[in-house]
């Protein structure tokens, strides 16, 4: 099964070739092979499956532990930034009064 797709550039070149440049023949149109395209997609999906099988997925407990670590660290950093902001605000208010 072949599907023939002709690009706009090929049609324009055929209708109005540039001076001094030979035009392409319409017998050499770009072709699109549906089977080739589907095979490429199937190969891609197969490769993705193979690569995903190599991934070491964390256990549920590891995932919970890591999530707790991220939340605690985020809270600590947020409190630190809030504290620094309050100190700078107090200093700047004292300077500009």
Protein backbone atom coordinates (compact mmCIF):
# COMPACT_ATOMS: atom_id res chain seq x y z
CA UNK A 1 0.00 0.00 0.00
CA UNK A 2 1.55 3.29 -1.12
CA UNK A 3 0.30 6.75 -0.38
CA UNK A 4 1.75 9.43 -2.63
CA UNK A 5 2.23 12.84 -1.06
CA UNK A 6 3.48 15.70 -3.18
CA UNK A 7 5.08 18.58 -1.37
CA UNK A 8 4.08 22.15 -2.21
CA UNK A 9 7.68 22.95 -3.17
CA UNK A 10 7.68 20.16 -5.74
CA UNK A 11 4.45 21.41 -7.32
CA UNK A 12 5.65 25.03 -7.43
CA UNK A 13 8.97 23.97 -8.92
CA UNK A 14 7.16 21.96 -11.58
CA UNK A 15 4.81 24.81 -12.47
CA UNK A 16 7.39 27.60 -12.49
CA UNK A 17 10.98 26.38 -12.59
CA UNK A 18 13.73 28.82 -11.68
CA UNK A 19 15.74 30.21 -14.60
CA UNK A 20 18.84 28.17 -15.28
CA UNK A 21 17.77 25.37 -12.97
CA UNK A 22 16.22 22.20 -14.25
CA UNK A 23 12.92 21.25 -12.71
CA UNK A 24 12.31 17.97 -11.02
CA UNK A 25 10.26 15.41 -12.81
CA UNK A 26 6.85 14.60 -11.38
CA UNK A 27 7.73 10.96 -11.90
CA UNK A 28 10.18 11.38 -8.97
CA UNK A 29 7.59 12.55 -6.45
CA UNK A 30 8.22 11.99 -2.78
CA UNK A 31 6.48 8.81 -1.71
CA UNK A 32 5.31 7.86 1.71
CA UNK A 33 5.24 4.18 2.53
CA UNK A 34 2.66 3.49 5.20
CA UNK A 35 4.16 0.09 6.07
CA UNK A 36 7.59 1.65 6.64
CA UNK A 37 6.08 4.32 8.89
CA UNK A 38 4.13 1.76 10.96
CA UNK A 39 7.22 -0.45 11.29
CA UNK A 40 9.22 2.54 12.59
CA UNK A 41 6.52 3.26 15.18
CA UNK A 42 6.41 -0.40 16.24
CA UNK A 43 10.22 -0.48 16.58
CA UNK A 44 10.13 2.68 18.67
CA UNK A 45 7.49 1.25 21.03
CA UNK A 46 9.44 -2.02 21.32
CA UNK A 47 12.61 -0.07 22.18
CA UNK A 48 10.74 1.94 24.81
CA UNK A 49 9.46 -1.28 26.41
CA UNK A 50 12.98 -2.73 26.49
CA UNK A 51 14.42 0.41 28.09
CA UNK A 52 11.61 0.67 30.65
CA UNK A 53 12.30 -2.94 31.71
CA UNK A 54 15.86 -1.88 32.64
CA UNK A 55 14.65 0.87 35.00
CA UNK A 56 14.96 0.09 38.70
CA UNK A 57 11.70 1.31 40.17
CA UNK A 58 11.62 2.26 43.86
CA UNK A 59 9.55 0.26 46.29
CA UNK A 60 6.53 1.91 47.87
CA UNK A 61 8.38 2.40 51.16
CA UNK A 62 11.36 4.03 49.41
CA UNK A 63 8.97 6.33 47.59
CA UNK A 64 7.24 7.32 50.85
CA UNK A 65 10.59 7.90 52.60
CA UNK A 66 11.92 10.05 49.76
CA UNK A 67 8.70 12.06 49.62
CA UNK A 68 8.91 12.79 53.35
CA UNK A 69 12.54 13.89 52.95
CA UNK A 70 11.61 16.27 50.13
CA UNK A 71 8.69 17.75 52.11
CA UNK A 72 10.81 18.26 55.26
CA UNK A 73 13.67 19.82 53.28
CA UNK A 74 11.21 22.11 51.46
CA UNK A 75 9.77 23.30 54.79
CA UNK A 76 13.27 23.92 56.23
CA UNK A 77 14.36 25.94 53.18
CA UNK A 78 11.08 27.90 53.19
CA UNK A 79 11.50 28.80 56.89
CA UNK A 80 15.11 29.85 56.25
CA UNK A 81 14.13 32.09 53.32
CA UNK A 82 11.27 33.57 55.37
CA UNK A 83 13.69 34.32 58.22
CA UNK A 84 16.25 35.98 55.95
CA UNK A 85 13.47 38.02 54.33
CA UNK A 86 12.24 39.20 57.74
CA UNK A 87 15.77 40.21 58.79
CA UNK A 88 16.36 42.13 55.56
CA UNK A 89 12.95 43.81 55.82
CA UNK A 90 13.68 44.91 59.39
CA UNK A 91 17.11 46.24 58.42
CA UNK A 92 15.75 48.13 55.40
CA UNK A 93 12.88 49.63 57.44
CA UNK A 94 15.41 50.88 59.99
CA UNK A 95 17.59 52.41 57.26
CA UNK A 96 14.76 54.19 55.39
CA UNK A 97 13.05 55.66 58.51
